[in-house]
Structures are given as C-alpha cells and as structure tokens.
Amino acid sequence: RLSQQEVEKLIAAGQDALQRNAMFHAFLSSINGKVLTTVS
C-alpha cells in the first residue's frame, strides 16, 4: 500500500534507471552495429 506520489516516483525511477544503465546501453550498441561500450 503506497501513495500515488510514491508510486509515480518509483515508475519514473524504473524508466530513468534503465535509460542510464551502462549494461543496457552496451547491449543496444551491440545490436545496432556500433562500437561496443566498454563495460567490465
């Protein structure tokens, strides 16, 4: 049971966290045929 404000914060956090995730960007770069992002 969470407030609407808390729910909206978490949804936005999920969207932003995926956008900023280095591993996800490395994967996208790989399937787009670009130089693979350096991720250890």
PDB file of all heavy atoms in Angstrom:
ATOM      1  N   ARG A   1       0.867  -1.188   0.000  1.00  0.00           N
ATOM      2  CA  ARG A   1       0.000   0.000   0.000  1.00  0.00           C
ATOM      3  C   ARG A   1       0.893   1.224   0.000  1.00  0.00           C
ATOM      4  O   ARG A   1       1.576   1.516   0.983  1.00  0.00           O
ATOM      5  CB  ARG A   1      -0.909   0.011   1.228  1.00  0.00           C
ATOM      6  CG  ARG A   1      -1.849   1.214   1.272  1.00  0.00           C
ATOM      7  CD  ARG A   1      -2.719   1.171   2.512  1.00  0.00           C
ATOM      8  NE  ARG A   1      -1.927   1.278   3.736  1.00  0.00           N
ATOM      9  CZ  ARG A   1      -2.390   0.977   4.941  1.00  0.00           C
ATOM     10  NH1 ARG A   1      -3.602   0.503   5.077  1.00  0.00           N
ATOM     11  NH2 ARG A   1      -1.618   1.114   6.007  1.00  0.00           N
ATOM     12  N   LEU A   2       0.892   1.959  -1.111  1.00  0.00           N
ATOM     13  CA  LEU A   2       1.706   3.163  -1.242  1.00  0.00           C
ATOM     14  C   LEU A   2       0.834   4.313  -1.728  1.00  0.00           C
ATOM     15  O   LEU A   2      -0.231   4.105  -2.312  1.00  0.00           O
ATOM     16  CB  LEU A   2       2.856   2.939  -2.233  1.00  0.00           C
ATOM     17  CG  LEU A   2       3.891   1.871  -1.875  1.00  0.00           C
ATOM     18  CD1 LEU A   2       4.922   1.761  -2.989  1.00  0.00           C
ATOM     19  CD2 LEU A   2       4.567   2.154  -0.548  1.00  0.00           C
ATOM     20  N   SER A   3       1.303   5.514  -1.513  1.00  0.00           N
ATOM     21  CA  SER A   3       0.585   6.689  -2.008  1.00  0.00           C
ATOM     22  C   SER A   3       0.803   6.833  -3.505  1.00  0.00           C
ATOM     23  O   SER A   3       1.754   6.276  -4.073  1.00  0.00           O
ATOM     24  CB  SER A   3       1.084   7.942  -1.294  1.00  0.00           C
ATOM     25  OG  SER A   3       2.422   8.246  -1.690  1.00  0.00           O
ATOM     26  N   GLN A   4      -0.055   7.594  -4.160  1.00  0.00           N
ATOM     27  CA  GLN A   4       0.105   7.828  -5.592  1.00  0.00           C
ATOM     28  C   GLN A   4       1.432   8.516  -5.881  1.00  0.00           C
ATOM     29  O   GLN A   4       2.106   8.186  -6.873  1.00  0.00           O
ATOM     30  CB  GLN A   4      -1.048   8.671  -6.127  1.00  0.00           C
ATOM     31  CG  GLN A   4      -0.936   8.949  -7.627  1.00  0.00           C
ATOM     32  CD  GLN A   4      -2.164   9.645  -8.195  1.00  0.00           C
ATOM     33  OE1 GLN A   4      -3.203   9.725  -7.534  1.00  0.00           O
ATOM     34  NE2 GLN A   4      -2.055  10.148  -9.408  1.00  0.00           N
ATOM     35  N   GLN A   5       1.833   9.439  -5.031  1.00  0.00           N
ATOM     36  CA  GLN A   5       3.103  10.133  -5.237  1.00  0.00           C
ATOM     37  C   GLN A   5       4.273   9.153  -5.178  1.00  0.00           C
ATOM     38  O   GLN A   5       5.198   9.224  -6.003  1.00  0.00           O
ATOM     39  CB  GLN A   5       3.273  11.219  -4.180  1.00  0.00           C
ATOM     40  CG  GLN A   5       4.556  12.037  -4.356  1.00  0.00           C
ATOM     41  CD  GLN A   5       4.719  13.086  -3.262  1.00  0.00           C
ATOM     42  OE1 GLN A   5       4.125  12.984  -2.185  1.00  0.00           O
ATOM     43  NE2 GLN A   5       5.520  14.109  -3.529  1.00  0.00           N
ATOM     44  N   GLU A   6       4.244   8.224  -4.229  1.00  0.00           N
ATOM     45  CA  GLU A   6       5.312   7.238  -4.117  1.00  0.00           C
ATOM     46  C   GLU A   6       5.339   6.321  -5.337  1.00  0.00           C
ATOM     47  O   GLU A   6       6.415   5.996  -5.865  1.00  0.00           O
ATOM     48  CB  GLU A   6       5.128   6.422  -2.838  1.00  0.00           C
ATOM     49  CG  GLU A   6       5.415   7.212  -1.569  1.00  0.00           C
ATOM     50  CD  GLU A   6       5.001   6.470  -0.313  1.00  0.00           C
ATOM     51  OE1 GLU A   6       4.012   5.692  -0.366  1.00  0.00           O
ATOM     52  OE2 GLU A   6       5.643   6.672   0.736  1.00  0.00           O
ATOM     53  N   VAL A   7       4.168   5.909  -5.803  1.00  0.00           N
ATOM     54  CA  VAL A   7       4.091   5.045  -6.980  1.00  0.00           C
ATOM     55  C   VAL A   7       4.668   5.746  -8.202  1.00  0.00           C
ATOM     56  O   VAL A   7       5.446   5.161  -8.968  1.00  0.00           O
ATOM     57  CB  VAL A   7       2.628   4.611  -7.235  1.00  0.00           C
ATOM     58  CG1 VAL A   7       2.482   3.973  -8.616  1.00  0.00           C
ATOM     59  CG2 VAL A   7       2.164   3.646  -6.154  1.00  0.00           C
ATOM     60  N   GLU A   8       4.310   7.015  -8.393  1.00  0.00           N
ATOM     61  CA  GLU A   8       4.793   7.754  -9.562  1.00  0.00           C
ATOM     62  C   GLU A   8       6.316   7.923  -9.505  1.00  0.00           C
ATOM     63  O   GLU A   8       6.996   7.843 -10.532  1.00  0.00           O
ATOM     64  CB  GLU A   8       4.113   9.120  -9.654  1.00  0.00           C
ATOM     65  CG  GLU A   8       2.599   9.072  -9.785  1.00  0.00           C
ATOM     66  CD  GLU A   8       2.111   8.357 -11.039  1.00  0.00           C
ATOM     67  OE1 GLU A   8       2.933   8.053 -11.923  1.00  0.00           O
ATOM     68  OE2 GLU A   8       0.904   8.083 -11.135  1.00  0.00           O
ATOM     69  N   LYS A   9       6.841   8.139  -8.310  1.00  0.00           N
ATOM     70  CA  LYS A   9       8.301   8.260  -8.164  1.00  0.00           C
ATOM     71  C   LYS A   9       8.999   6.967  -8.568  1.00  0.00           C
ATOM     72  O   LYS A   9      10.040   6.982  -9.227  1.00  0.00           O
ATOM     73  CB  LYS A   9       8.662   8.608  -6.718  1.00  0.00           C
ATOM     74  CG  LYS A   9       8.391  10.041  -6.316  1.00  0.00           C
ATOM     75  CD  LYS A   9       8.818  10.270  -4.874  1.00  0.00           C
ATOM     76  CE  LYS A   9       8.561  11.711  -4.434  1.00  0.00           C
ATOM     77  NZ  LYS A   9       8.968  11.912  -3.014  1.00  0.00           N
ATOM     78  N   LEU A  10       8.426   5.844  -8.179  1.00  0.00           N
ATOM     79  CA  LEU A  10       9.040   4.546  -8.474  1.00  0.00           C
ATOM     80  C   LEU A  10       8.945   4.200  -9.960  1.00  0.00           C
ATOM     81  O   LEU A  10       9.890   3.652 -10.530  1.00  0.00           O
ATOM     82  CB  LEU A  10       8.368   3.464  -7.627  1.00  0.00           C
ATOM     83  CG  LEU A  10       8.697   3.520  -6.133  1.00  0.00           C
ATOM     84  CD1 LEU A  10       7.650   2.776  -5.317  1.00  0.00           C
ATOM     85  CD2 LEU A  10      10.088   2.957  -5.869  1.00  0.00           C
ATOM     86  N   ILE A  11       7.826   4.510 -10.582  1.00  0.00           N
ATOM     87  CA  ILE A  11       7.699   4.257 -12.028  1.00  0.00           C
ATOM     88  C   ILE A  11       8.727   5.077 -12.789  1.00  0.00           C
ATOM     89  O   ILE A  11       9.433   4.561 -13.666  1.00  0.00           O
ATOM     90  CB  ILE A  11       6.272   4.581 -12.511  1.00  0.00           C
ATOM     91  CG1 ILE A  11       5.265   3.602 -11.902  1.00  0.00           C
ATOM     92  CG2 ILE A  11       6.200   4.535 -14.034  1.00  0.00           C
ATOM     93  CD1 ILE A  11       3.810   3.960 -12.198  1.00  0.00           C
ATOM     94  N   ALA A  12       8.821   6.361 -12.453  1.00  0.00           N
ATOM     95  CA  ALA A  12       9.812   7.223 -13.106  1.00  0.00           C
ATOM     96  C   ALA A  12      11.230   6.735 -12.837  1.00  0.00           C
ATOM     97  O   ALA A  12      12.095   6.788 -13.725  1.00  0.00           O
ATOM     98  CB  ALA A  12       9.645   8.662 -12.626  1.00  0.00           C
ATOM     99  N   ALA A  13      11.466   6.230 -11.640  1.00  0.00           N
ATOM    100  CA  ALA A  13      12.796   5.714 -11.308  1.00  0.00           C
ATOM    101  C   ALA A  13      13.141   4.511 -12.166  1.00  0.00           C
ATOM    102  O   ALA A  13      14.282   4.377 -12.629  1.00  0.00           O
ATOM    103  CB  ALA A  13      12.856   5.337  -9.826  1.00  0.00           C
ATOM    104  N   GLY A  14      12.190   3.607 -12.392  1.00  0.00           N
ATOM    105  CA  GLY A  14      12.436   2.453 -13.258  1.00  0.00           C
ATOM    106  C   GLY A  14      12.767   2.871 -14.680  1.00  0.00           C
ATOM    107  O   GLY A  14      13.680   2.313 -15.310  1.00  0.00           O
ATOM    108  N   GLN A  15      12.045   3.855 -15.181  1.00  0.00           N
ATOM    109  CA  GLN A  15      12.312   4.349 -16.539  1.00  0.00           C
ATOM    110  C   GLN A  15      13.698   4.979 -16.626  1.00  0.00           C
ATOM    111  O   GLN A  15      14.478   4.678 -17.549  1.00  0.00           O
ATOM    112  CB  GLN A  15      11.231   5.365 -16.920  1.00  0.00           C
ATOM    113  CG  GLN A  15       9.835   4.765 -17.035  1.00  0.00           C
ATOM    114  CD  GLN A  15       8.748   5.827 -17.123  1.00  0.00           C
ATOM    115  OE1 GLN A  15       8.944   6.996 -16.761  1.00  0.00           O
ATOM    116  NE2 GLN A  15       7.577   5.422 -17.598  1.00  0.00           N
ATOM    117  N   ASP A  16      14.013   5.825 -15.673  1.00  0.00           N
ATOM    118  CA  ASP A  16      15.296   6.531 -15.707  1.00  0.00           C
ATOM    119  C   ASP A  16      16.469   5.581 -15.469  1.00  0.00           C
ATOM    120  O   ASP A  16      17.533   5.722 -16.093  1.00  0.00           O
ATOM    121  CB  ASP A  16      15.317   7.634 -14.650  1.00  0.00           C
ATOM    122  CG  ASP A  16      14.324   8.744 -14.938  1.00  0.00           C
ATOM    123  OD1 ASP A  16      13.827   8.813 -16.090  1.00  0.00           O
ATOM    124  OD2 ASP A  16      14.027   9.531 -14.017  1.00  0.00           O
ATOM    125  N   ALA A  17      16.288   4.626 -14.568  1.00  0.00           N
ATOM    126  CA  ALA A  17      17.383   3.706 -14.254  1.00  0.00           C
ATOM    127  C   ALA A  17      17.733   2.841 -15.469  1.00  0.00           C
ATOM    128  O   ALA A  17      18.916   2.564 -15.710  1.00  0.00           O
ATOM    129  CB  ALA A  17      17.016   2.826 -13.065  1.00  0.00           C
ATOM    130  N   LEU A  18      16.736   2.411 -16.232  1.00  0.00           N
ATOM    131  CA  LEU A  18      17.037   1.643 -17.445  1.00  0.00           C
ATOM    132  C   LEU A  18      17.755   2.516 -18.460  1.00  0.00           C
ATOM    133  O   LEU A  18      18.729   2.075 -19.087  1.00  0.00           O
ATOM    134  CB  LEU A  18      15.752   1.071 -18.042  1.00  0.00           C
ATOM    135  CG  LEU A  18      15.957   0.232 -19.312  1.00  0.00           C
ATOM    136  CD1 LEU A  18      16.790  -1.019 -19.021  1.00  0.00           C
ATOM    137  CD2 LEU A  18      14.609  -0.171 -19.928  1.00  0.00           C
ATOM    138  N   GLN A  19      17.300   3.743 -18.603  1.00  0.00           N
ATOM    139  CA  GLN A  19      17.943   4.659 -19.551  1.00  0.00           C
ATOM    140  C   GLN A  19      19.410   4.895 -19.215  1.00  0.00           C
ATOM    141  O   GLN A  19      20.243   5.056 -20.109  1.00  0.00           O
ATOM    142  CB  GLN A  19      17.214   6.005 -19.561  1.00  0.00           C
ATOM    143  CG  GLN A  19      15.934   6.019 -20.371  1.00  0.00           C
ATOM    144  CD  GLN A  19      15.348   7.421 -20.435  1.00  0.00           C
ATOM    145  OE1 GLN A  19      15.130   8.074 -19.407  1.00  0.00           O
ATOM    146  NE2 GLN A  19      15.107   7.902 -21.629  1.00  0.00           N
ATOM    147  N   ARG A  20      19.746   4.891 -17.927  1.00  0.00           N
ATOM    148  CA  ARG A  20      21.118   5.195 -17.501  1.00  0.00           C
ATOM    149  C   ARG A  20      21.985   3.952 -17.315  1.00  0.00           C
ATOM    150  O   ARG A  20      23.172   4.084 -16.999  1.00  0.00           O
ATOM    151  CB  ARG A  20      21.081   5.963 -16.173  1.00  0.00           C
ATOM    152  CG  ARG A  20      20.325   7.266 -16.239  1.00  0.00           C
ATOM    153  CD  ARG A  20      20.400   8.008 -14.917  1.00  0.00           C
ATOM    154  NE  ARG A  20      19.527   9.176 -14.901  1.00  0.00           N
ATOM    155  CZ  ARG A  20      19.495  10.065 -13.926  1.00  0.00           C
ATOM    156  NH1 ARG A  20      20.310   9.931 -12.877  1.00  0.00           N
ATOM    157  NH2 ARG A  20      18.677  11.094 -13.969  1.00  0.00           N
ATOM    158  N   ASN A  21      21.409   2.771 -17.494  1.00  0.00           N
ATOM    159  CA  ASN A  21      22.148   1.552 -17.195  1.00  0.00           C
ATOM    160  C   ASN A  21      23.206   1.282 -18.263  1.00  0.00           C
ATOM    161  O   ASN A  21      22.892   1.137 -19.449  1.00  0.00           O
ATOM    162  CB  ASN A  21      21.171   0.376 -17.104  1.00  0.00           C
ATOM    163  CG  ASN A  21      21.845  -0.900 -16.678  1.00  0.00           C
ATOM    164  OD1 ASN A  21      22.265  -1.692 -17.507  1.00  0.00           O
ATOM    165  ND2 ASN A  21      21.959  -1.106 -15.379  1.00  0.00           N
ATOM    166  N   ALA A  22      24.462   1.190 -17.848  1.00  0.00           N
ATOM    167  CA  ALA A  22      25.574   1.017 -18.783  1.00  0.00           C
ATOM    168  C   ALA A  22      25.494  -0.310 -19.526  1.00  0.00           C
ATOM    169  O   ALA A  22      25.810  -0.390 -20.727  1.00  0.00           O
ATOM    170  CB  ALA A  22      26.905   1.130 -18.041  1.00  0.00           C
ATOM    171  N   MET A  23      25.075  -1.362 -18.837  1.00  0.00           N
ATOM    172  CA  MET A  23      24.975  -2.675 -19.482  1.00  0.00           C
ATOM    173  C   MET A  23      23.920  -2.678 -20.573  1.00  0.00           C
ATOM    174  O   MET A  23      24.103  -3.256 -21.648  1.00  0.00           O
ATOM    175  CB  MET A  23      24.660  -3.740 -18.438  1.00  0.00           C
ATOM    176  CG  MET A  23      24.777  -5.166 -18.960  1.00  0.00           C
ATOM    177  SD  MET A  23      26.456  -5.578 -19.466  1.00  0.00           S
ATOM    178  CE  MET A  23      27.302  -5.482 -17.905  1.00  0.00           C
ATOM    179  N   PHE A  24      22.802  -2.017 -20.307  1.00  0.00           N
ATOM    180  CA  PHE A  24      21.734  -1.931 -21.304  1.00  0.00           C
ATOM    181  C   PHE A  24      22.213  -1.149 -22.521  1.00  0.00           C
ATOM    182  O   PHE A  24      21.938  -1.530 -23.661  1.00  0.00           O
ATOM    183  CB  PHE A  24      20.513  -1.277 -20.674  1.00  0.00           C
ATOM    184  CG  PHE A  24      19.322  -1.208 -21.586  1.00  0.00           C
ATOM    185  CD1 PHE A  24      18.755  -2.364 -22.104  1.00  0.00           C
ATOM    186  CD2 PHE A  24      18.753   0.016 -21.922  1.00  0.00           C
ATOM    187  CE1 PHE A  24      17.643  -2.309 -22.939  1.00  0.00           C
ATOM    188  CE2 PHE A  24      17.644   0.089 -22.746  1.00  0.00           C
ATOM    189  CZ  PHE A  24      17.090  -1.079 -23.256  1.00  0.00           C
ATOM    190  N   HIS A  25      22.957  -0.068 -22.302  1.00  0.00           N
ATOM    191  CA  HIS A  25      23.481   0.704 -23.430  1.00  0.00           C
ATOM    192  C   HIS A  25      24.504  -0.100 -24.224  1.00  0.00           C
ATOM    193  O   HIS A  25      24.584   0.015 -25.457  1.00  0.00           O
ATOM    194  CB  HIS A  25      24.090   2.018 -22.929  1.00  0.00           C
ATOM    195  CG  HIS A  25      23.070   3.081 -22.686  1.00  0.00           C
ATOM    196  ND1 HIS A  25      22.499   3.814 -23.703  1.00  0.00           N
ATOM    197  CD2 HIS A  25      22.483   3.515 -21.541  1.00  0.00           C
ATOM    198  CE1 HIS A  25      21.627   4.669 -23.209  1.00  0.00           C
ATOM    199  NE2 HIS A  25      21.593   4.511 -21.897  1.00  0.00           N
ATOM    200  N   ALA A  26      25.292  -0.911 -23.528  1.00  0.00           N
ATOM    201  CA  ALA A  26      26.255  -1.761 -24.240  1.00  0.00           C
ATOM    202  C   ALA A  26      25.526  -2.750 -25.131  1.00  0.00           C
ATOM    203  O   ALA A  26      25.926  -2.998 -26.280  1.00  0.00           O
ATOM    204  CB  ALA A  26      27.140  -2.502 -23.226  1.00  0.00           C
ATOM    205  N   PHE A  27      24.454  -3.317 -24.636  1.00  0.00           N
ATOM    206  CA  PHE A  27      23.648  -4.246 -25.423  1.00  0.00           C
ATOM    207  C   PHE A  27      23.051  -3.549 -26.640  1.00  0.00           C
ATOM    208  O   PHE A  27      23.109  -4.064 -27.774  1.00  0.00           O
ATOM    209  CB  PHE A  27      22.541  -4.820 -24.537  1.00  0.00           C
ATOM    210  CG  PHE A  27      21.513  -5.615 -25.277  1.00  0.00           C
ATOM    211  CD1 PHE A  27      21.789  -6.900 -25.738  1.00  0.00           C
ATOM    212  CD2 PHE A  27      20.246  -5.089 -25.515  1.00  0.00           C
ATOM    213  CE1 PHE A  27      20.832  -7.635 -26.425  1.00  0.00           C
ATOM    214  CE2 PHE A  27      19.285  -5.816 -26.192  1.00  0.00           C
ATOM    215  CZ  PHE A  27      19.578  -7.090 -26.647  1.00  0.00           C
ATOM    216  N   LEU A  28      22.469  -2.358 -26.442  1.00  0.00           N
ATOM    217  CA  LEU A  28      21.878  -1.627 -27.560  1.00  0.00           C
ATOM    218  C   LEU A  28      22.926  -1.275 -28.602  1.00  0.00           C
ATOM    219  O   LEU A  28      22.682  -1.382 -29.808  1.00  0.00           O
ATOM    220  CB  LEU A  28      21.192  -0.356 -27.049  1.00  0.00           C
ATOM    221  CG  LEU A  28      19.936  -0.536 -26.198  1.00  0.00           C
ATOM    222  CD1 LEU A  28      19.405   0.825 -25.753  1.00  0.00           C
ATOM    223  CD2 LEU A  28      18.871  -1.297 -26.966  1.00  0.00           C
ATOM    224  N   SER A  29      24.092  -0.840 -28.156  1.00  0.00           N
ATOM    225  CA  SER A  29      25.166  -0.518 -29.095  1.00  0.00           C
ATOM    226  C   SER A  29      25.555  -1.740 -29.905  1.00  0.00           C
ATOM    227  O   SER A  29      25.818  -1.654 -31.105  1.00  0.00           O
ATOM    228  CB  SER A  29      26.390   0.014 -28.343  1.00  0.00           C
ATOM    229  OG  SER A  29      26.106   1.223 -27.688  1.00  0.00           O
ATOM    230  N   SER A  30      25.568  -2.894 -29.261  1.00  0.00           N
ATOM    231  CA  SER A  30      25.962  -4.126 -29.934  1.00  0.00           C
ATOM    232  C   SER A  30      24.956  -4.526 -31.013  1.00  0.00           C
ATOM    233  O   SER A  30      25.333  -4.870 -32.126  1.00  0.00           O
ATOM    234  CB  SER A  30      26.115  -5.250 -28.911  1.00  0.00           C
ATOM    235  OG  SER A  30      26.492  -6.449 -29.539  1.00  0.00           O
ATOM    236  N   ILE A  31      23.669  -4.462 -30.712  1.00  0.00           N
ATOM    237  CA  ILE A  31      22.676  -4.891 -31.708  1.00  0.00           C
ATOM    238  C   ILE A  31      22.462  -3.842 -32.778  1.00  0.00           C
ATOM    239  O   ILE A  31      21.951  -4.149 -33.859  1.00  0.00           O
ATOM    240  CB  ILE A  31      21.331  -5.258 -31.053  1.00  0.00           C
ATOM    241  CG1 ILE A  31      20.673  -4.044 -30.409  1.00  0.00           C
ATOM    242  CG2 ILE A  31      21.506  -6.391 -30.055  1.00  0.00           C
ATOM    243  CD1 ILE A  31      19.275  -4.337 -29.863  1.00  0.00           C
ATOM    244  N   ASN A  32      22.881  -2.599 -32.502  1.00  0.00           N
ATOM    245  CA  ASN A  32      22.777  -1.559 -33.520  1.00  0.00           C
ATOM    246  C   ASN A  32      23.997  -1.512 -34.430  1.00  0.00           C
ATOM    247  O   ASN A  32      24.087  -0.660 -35.304  1.00  0.00           O
ATOM    248  CB  ASN A  32      22.587  -0.186 -32.863  1.00  0.00           C
ATOM    249  CG  ASN A  32      21.187   0.002 -32.327  1.00  0.00           C
ATOM    250  OD1 ASN A  32      20.235  -0.572 -32.852  1.00  0.00           O
ATOM    251  ND2 ASN A  32      21.051   0.789 -31.279  1.00  0.00           N
ATOM    252  N   GLY A  33      24.979  -2.399 -34.163  1.00  0.00           N
ATOM    253  CA  GLY A  33      26.163  -2.460 -35.016  1.00  0.00           C
ATOM    254  C   GLY A  33      27.176  -1.389 -34.745  1.00  0.00           C
ATOM    255  O   GLY A  33      28.086  -1.164 -35.539  1.00  0.00           O
ATOM    256  N   LYS A  34      27.071  -0.712 -33.614  1.00  0.00           N
ATOM    257  CA  LYS A  34      28.022   0.338 -33.259  1.00  0.00           C
ATOM    258  C   LYS A  34      29.148  -0.253 -32.435  1.00  0.00           C
ATOM    259  O   LYS A  34      29.135  -1.416 -32.071  1.00  0.00           O
ATOM    260  CB  LYS A  34      27.316   1.449 -32.480  1.00  0.00           C
ATOM    261  CG  LYS A  34      26.198   2.123 -33.271  1.00  0.00           C
ATOM    262  CD  LYS A  34      25.480   3.140 -32.414  1.00  0.00           C
ATOM    263  CE  LYS A  34      24.339   3.775 -33.171  1.00  0.00           C
ATOM    264  NZ  LYS A  34      23.575   4.741 -32.343  1.00  0.00           N
ATOM    265  N   VAL A  35      30.126   0.584 -32.113  1.00  0.00           N
ATOM    266  CA  VAL A  35      31.226   0.127 -31.271  1.00  0.00           C
ATOM    267  C   VAL A  35      30.681  -0.230 -29.895  1.00  0.00           C
ATOM    268  O   VAL A  35      29.926   0.530 -29.285  1.00  0.00           O
ATOM    269  CB  VAL A  35      32.303   1.230 -31.133  1.00  0.00           C
ATOM    270  CG1 VAL A  35      33.398   0.779 -30.189  1.00  0.00           C
ATOM    271  CG2 VAL A  35      32.875   1.560 -32.508  1.00  0.00           C
ATOM    272  N   LEU A  36      31.039  -1.386 -29.392  1.00  0.00           N
ATOM    273  CA  LEU A  36      30.541  -1.874 -28.112  1.00  0.00           C
ATOM    274  C   LEU A  36      31.065  -0.998 -26.975  1.00  0.00           C
ATOM    275  O   LEU A  36      32.256  -0.728 -26.875  1.00  0.00           O
ATOM    276  CB  LEU A  36      30.986  -3.316 -27.892  1.00  0.00           C
ATOM    277  CG  LEU A  36      30.442  -4.011 -26.645  1.00  0.00           C
ATOM    278  CD1 LEU A  36      28.940  -4.186 -26.748  1.00  0.00           C
ATOM    279  CD2 LEU A  36      31.112  -5.365 -26.463  1.00  0.00           C
ATOM    280  N   THR A  37      30.138  -0.540 -26.144  1.00  0.00           N
ATOM    281  CA  THR A  37      30.510   0.254 -24.987  1.00  0.00           C
ATOM    282  C   THR A  37      31.432  -0.560 -24.066  1.00  0.00           C
ATOM    283  O   THR A  37      31.189  -1.740 -23.852  1.00  0.00           O
ATOM    284  CB  THR A  37      29.244   0.686 -24.223  1.00  0.00           C
ATOM    285  OG1 THR A  37      28.384   1.370 -25.125  1.00  0.00           O
ATOM    286  CG2 THR A  37      29.593   1.581 -23.056  1.00  0.00           C
ATOM    287  N   THR A  38      32.432   0.064 -23.531  1.00  0.00           N
ATOM    288  CA  THR A  38      33.349  -0.652 -22.632  1.00  0.00           C
ATOM    289  C   THR A  38      32.709  -0.784 -21.254  1.00  0.00           C
ATOM    290  O   THR A  38      32.552   0.191 -20.526  1.00  0.00           O
ATOM    291  CB  THR A  38      34.672   0.106 -22.512  1.00  0.00           C
ATOM    292  OG1 THR A  38      35.249   0.224 -23.802  1.00  0.00           O
ATOM    293  CG2 THR A  38      35.640  -0.645 -21.612  1.00  0.00           C
ATOM    294  N   VAL A  39      32.312  -2.004 -20.911  1.00  0.00           N
ATOM    295  CA  VAL A  39      31.734  -2.303 -19.606  1.00  0.00           C
ATOM    296  C   VAL A  39      32.435  -3.551 -19.102  1.00  0.00           C
ATOM    297  O   VAL A  39      32.444  -4.587 -19.750  1.00  0.00           O
ATOM    298  CB  VAL A  39      30.212  -2.543 -19.711  1.00  0.00           C
ATOM    299  CG1 VAL A  39      29.630  -2.850 -18.338  1.00  0.00           C
ATOM    300  CG2 VAL A  39      29.521  -1.336 -20.317  1.00  0.00           C
ATOM    301  N   SER A  40      33.006  -3.464 -17.909  1.00  0.00           N
ATOM    302  CA  SER A  40      33.857  -4.547 -17.412  1.00  0.00           C
ATOM    303  C   SER A  40      33.115  -5.850 -17.210  1.00  0.00           C
ATOM    304  O   SER A  40      33.696  -6.921 -17.325  1.00  0.00           O
ATOM    305  CB  SER A  40      34.510  -4.127 -16.092  1.00  0.00           C
ATOM    306  OG  SER A  40      33.521  -3.851 -15.120  1.00  0.00           O
TER     307      SER A  40
END
